[in-house]
Amino acid sequence: MENQPNTLGSLFKDAGDYIETRIDLLKLKAIDKSSDVASSVVTGLTTLLFGCFALLILNIGLALWIGDLLGKDYLGFFVIAGFYILLALLLHIFRNTWIKGPVTTIIIKKLLK
């Protein structure tokens, strides 16, 4: 019977160590998931930024070319603007299907990975 208090104390100490270890593990998993999502966002935004620059230059060249075909440079810019207005309307109409759903799925997959 003398060893029982020692065993009980040891059991509580081990349980405390186990809980502390579990908390540390959860913190590390949260940091891992956060850093994975953050690095994916930074990579995606960097790629998007360079893509936007390329698209901007391409659009200016296309607008000038269309304007040359139509006889007035500004008409080419109006055609390109009309195209983007139409694209914006389509994206607004189908935003849940084309944007919200896939983005939500990607984020959930990243977090559950």
C-alpha atoms as a PDB file:
ATOM      1  CA  MET A   1       0.000   0.000   0.000  1.00  0.00           C
ATOM      2  CA  GLU A   2       2.974   2.334   0.394  1.00  0.00           C
ATOM      3  CA  ASN A   3       3.580   2.478  -3.398  1.00  0.00           C
ATOM      4  CA  GLN A   4       0.005   3.488  -4.196  1.00  0.00           C
ATOM      5  CA  PRO A   5       0.389   7.268  -3.546  1.00  0.00           C
ATOM      6  CA  ASN A   6       3.589   7.227  -5.578  1.00  0.00           C
ATOM      7  CA  THR A   7       1.864   5.382  -8.404  1.00  0.00           C
ATOM      8  CA  LEU A   8      -1.115   7.750  -8.333  1.00  0.00           C
ATOM      9  CA  GLY A   9       1.179  10.785  -8.327  1.00  0.00           C
ATOM     10  CA  SER A  10       3.151   9.305 -11.194  1.00  0.00           C
ATOM     11  CA  LEU A  11      -0.088   8.671 -13.076  1.00  0.00           C
ATOM     12  CA  PHE A  12      -1.185  12.299 -12.672  1.00  0.00           C
ATOM     13  CA  LYS A  13       2.246  13.507 -13.736  1.00  0.00           C
ATOM     14  CA  ASP A  14       2.144  11.295 -16.839  1.00  0.00           C
ATOM     15  CA  ALA A  15      -1.392  12.466 -17.648  1.00  0.00           C
ATOM     16  CA  GLY A  16      -0.257  16.091 -17.332  1.00  0.00           C
ATOM     17  CA  ASP A  17       2.734  15.414 -19.578  1.00  0.00           C
ATOM     18  CA  TYR A  18       0.465  13.702 -22.096  1.00  0.00           C
ATOM     19  CA  ILE A  19      -1.961  16.658 -22.184  1.00  0.00           C
ATOM     20  CA  GLU A  20       0.934  19.087 -22.555  1.00  0.00           C
ATOM     21  CA  THR A  21       2.360  17.026 -25.417  1.00  0.00           C
ATOM     22  CA  ARG A  22      -1.048  16.885 -27.145  1.00  0.00           C
ATOM     23  CA  ILE A  23      -1.410  20.663 -26.860  1.00  0.00           C
ATOM     24  CA  ASP A  24       2.072  21.142 -28.335  1.00  0.00           C
ATOM     25  CA  LEU A  25       1.205  18.745 -31.161  1.00  0.00           C
ATOM     26  CA  LEU A  26      -2.014  20.649 -31.937  1.00  0.00           C
ATOM     27  CA  LYS A  27      -0.086  23.929 -31.972  1.00  0.00           C
ATOM     28  CA  LEU A  28       2.485  22.480 -34.382  1.00  0.00           C
ATOM     29  CA  LYS A  29      -0.231  21.092 -36.655  1.00  0.00           C
ATOM     30  CA  ALA A  30      -1.970  24.481 -36.691  1.00  0.00           C
ATOM     31  CA  ILE A  31       1.313  26.207 -37.551  1.00  0.00           C
ATOM     32  CA  ASP A  32       1.958  23.676 -40.331  1.00  0.00           C
ATOM     33  CA  LYS A  33      -1.498  24.184 -41.865  1.00  0.00           C
ATOM     34  CA  SER A  34      -1.284  27.964 -41.524  1.00  0.00           C
ATOM     35  CA  SER A  35       2.125  28.148 -43.151  1.00  0.00           C
ATOM     36  CA  ASP A  36       0.992  25.837 -45.970  1.00  0.00           C
ATOM     37  CA  VAL A  37      -2.075  27.972 -46.690  1.00  0.00           C
ATOM     38  CA  ALA A  38      -0.090  31.222 -46.386  1.00  0.00           C
ATOM     39  CA  SER A  39       2.640  30.016 -48.755  1.00  0.00           C
ATOM     40  CA  SER A  40       0.001  28.888 -51.248  1.00  0.00           C
ATOM     41  CA  VAL A  41      -1.672  32.304 -51.070  1.00  0.00           C
ATOM     42  CA  VAL A  42       1.622  34.163 -51.547  1.00  0.00           C
ATOM     43  CA  THR A  43       2.598  31.930 -54.471  1.00  0.00           C
ATOM     44  CA  GLY A  44      -0.815  32.343 -56.055  1.00  0.00           C
ATOM     45  CA  LEU A  45      -0.809  36.120 -55.621  1.00  0.00           C
ATOM     46  CA  THR A  46       2.692  36.427 -57.087  1.00  0.00           C
ATOM     47  CA  THR A  47       1.685  34.373 -60.108  1.00  0.00           C
ATOM     48  CA  LEU A  48      -1.514  36.407 -60.435  1.00  0.00           C
ATOM     49  CA  LEU A  49       0.430  39.672 -60.296  1.00  0.00           C
ATOM     50  CA  PHE A  50       2.775  38.693 -63.117  1.00  0.00           C
ATOM     51  CA  GLY A  51      -0.144  37.297 -65.079  1.00  0.00           C
ATOM     52  CA  CYS A  52      -1.975  40.619 -64.692  1.00  0.00           C
ATOM     53  CA  PHE A  53       1.042  42.542 -65.983  1.00  0.00           C
ATOM     54  CA  ALA A  54       1.270  40.284 -69.019  1.00  0.00           C
ATOM     55  CA  LEU A  55      -2.485  40.535 -69.598  1.00  0.00           C
ATOM     56  CA  LEU A  56      -2.357  44.333 -69.319  1.00  0.00           C
ATOM     57  CA  ILE A  57       0.361  44.633 -71.942  1.00  0.00           C
ATOM     58  CA  LEU A  58      -1.423  42.116 -74.158  1.00  0.00           C
ATOM     59  CA  ASN A  59      -4.683  44.080 -73.843  1.00  0.00           C
ATOM     60  CA  ILE A  60      -3.019  47.363 -74.748  1.00  0.00           C
ATOM     61  CA  GLY A  61      -1.469  45.783 -77.821  1.00  0.00           C
ATOM     62  CA  LEU A  62      -4.758  44.114 -78.771  1.00  0.00           C
ATOM     63  CA  ALA A  63      -6.696  47.365 -78.285  1.00  0.00           C
ATOM     64  CA  LEU A  64      -4.231  49.259 -80.468  1.00  0.00           C
ATOM     65  CA  TRP A  65      -4.423  46.551 -83.140  1.00  0.00           C
ATOM     66  CA  ILE A  66      -8.247  46.486 -83.118  1.00  0.00           C
ATOM     67  CA  GLY A  67      -8.260  50.294 -83.158  1.00  0.00           C
ATOM     68  CA  ASP A  68      -5.970  50.215 -86.186  1.00  0.00           C
ATOM     69  CA  LEU A  69      -8.357  47.814 -87.925  1.00  0.00           C
ATOM     70  CA  LEU A  70     -11.353  50.033 -87.103  1.00  0.00           C
ATOM     71  CA  GLY A  71      -9.570  53.224 -88.123  1.00  0.00           C
ATOM     72  CA  LYS A  72      -9.529  54.928 -84.706  1.00  0.00           C
ATOM     73  CA  ASP A  73      -7.323  53.837 -81.825  1.00  0.00           C
ATOM     74  CA  TYR A  74      -9.859  54.629 -79.119  1.00  0.00           C
ATOM     75  CA  LEU A  75     -12.420  52.262 -80.687  1.00  0.00           C
ATOM     76  CA  GLY A  76     -10.111  49.350 -79.962  1.00  0.00           C
ATOM     77  CA  PHE A  77     -10.048  50.288 -76.282  1.00  0.00           C
ATOM     78  CA  PHE A  78     -13.866  50.475 -76.273  1.00  0.00           C
ATOM     79  CA  VAL A  79     -14.066  46.977 -77.775  1.00  0.00           C
ATOM     80  CA  ILE A  80     -11.691  45.582 -75.148  1.00  0.00           C
ATOM     81  CA  ALA A  81     -13.611  47.387 -72.365  1.00  0.00           C
ATOM     82  CA  GLY A  82     -16.881  45.939 -73.689  1.00  0.00           C
ATOM     83  CA  PHE A  83     -15.372  42.465 -73.631  1.00  0.00           C
ATOM     84  CA  TYR A  84     -14.334  42.886 -69.984  1.00  0.00           C
ATOM     85  CA  ILE A  85     -17.748  44.274 -69.023  1.00  0.00           C
ATOM     86  CA  LEU A  86     -19.363  41.186 -70.569  1.00  0.00           C
ATOM     87  CA  LEU A  87     -16.859  38.947 -68.777  1.00  0.00           C
ATOM     88  CA  ALA A  88     -17.558  40.726 -65.453  1.00  0.00           C
ATOM     89  CA  LEU A  89     -21.313  40.200 -65.897  1.00  0.00           C
ATOM     90  CA  LEU A  90     -20.813  36.498 -66.599  1.00  0.00           C
ATOM     91  CA  LEU A  91     -18.537  36.127 -63.566  1.00  0.00           C
ATOM     92  CA  HIS A  92     -21.112  37.897 -61.414  1.00  0.00           C
ATOM     93  CA  ILE A  93     -23.933  35.662 -62.622  1.00  0.00           C
ATOM     94  CA  PHE A  94     -21.956  32.422 -62.207  1.00  0.00           C
ATOM     95  CA  ARG A  95     -19.787  33.491 -59.228  1.00  0.00           C
ATOM     96  CA  ASN A  96     -20.973  30.679 -56.950  1.00  0.00           C
ATOM     97  CA  THR A  97     -20.328  27.963 -59.521  1.00  0.00           C
ATOM     98  CA  TRP A  98     -17.136  29.290 -61.076  1.00  0.00           C
ATOM     99  CA  ILE A  99     -15.412  30.993 -58.136  1.00  0.00           C
ATOM    100  CA  LYS A 100     -16.894  30.377 -54.684  1.00  0.00           C
ATOM    101  CA  GLY A 101     -17.291  26.598 -54.958  1.00  0.00           C
ATOM    102  CA  PRO A 102     -13.828  25.810 -56.363  1.00  0.00           C
ATOM    103  CA  VAL A 103     -12.049  28.227 -54.005  1.00  0.00           C
ATOM    104  CA  THR A 104     -13.872  26.766 -51.002  1.00  0.00           C
ATOM    105  CA  THR A 105     -12.935  23.259 -52.130  1.00  0.00           C
ATOM    106  CA  ILE A 106      -9.272  24.205 -52.565  1.00  0.00           C
ATOM    107  CA  ILE A 107      -9.101  25.814 -49.106  1.00  0.00           C
ATOM    108  CA  ILE A 108     -10.770  22.824 -47.444  1.00  0.00           C
ATOM    109  CA  LYS A 109      -8.405  20.395 -49.202  1.00  0.00           C
ATOM    110  CA  LYS A 110      -5.403  22.468 -48.086  1.00  0.00           C
ATOM    111  CA  LEU A 111      -6.590  22.564 -44.485  1.00  0.00           C
ATOM    112  CA  LEU A 112      -7.426  18.857 -44.330  1.00  0.00           C
ATOM    113  CA  LYS A 113      -4.207  17.749 -46.064  1.00  0.00           C
END
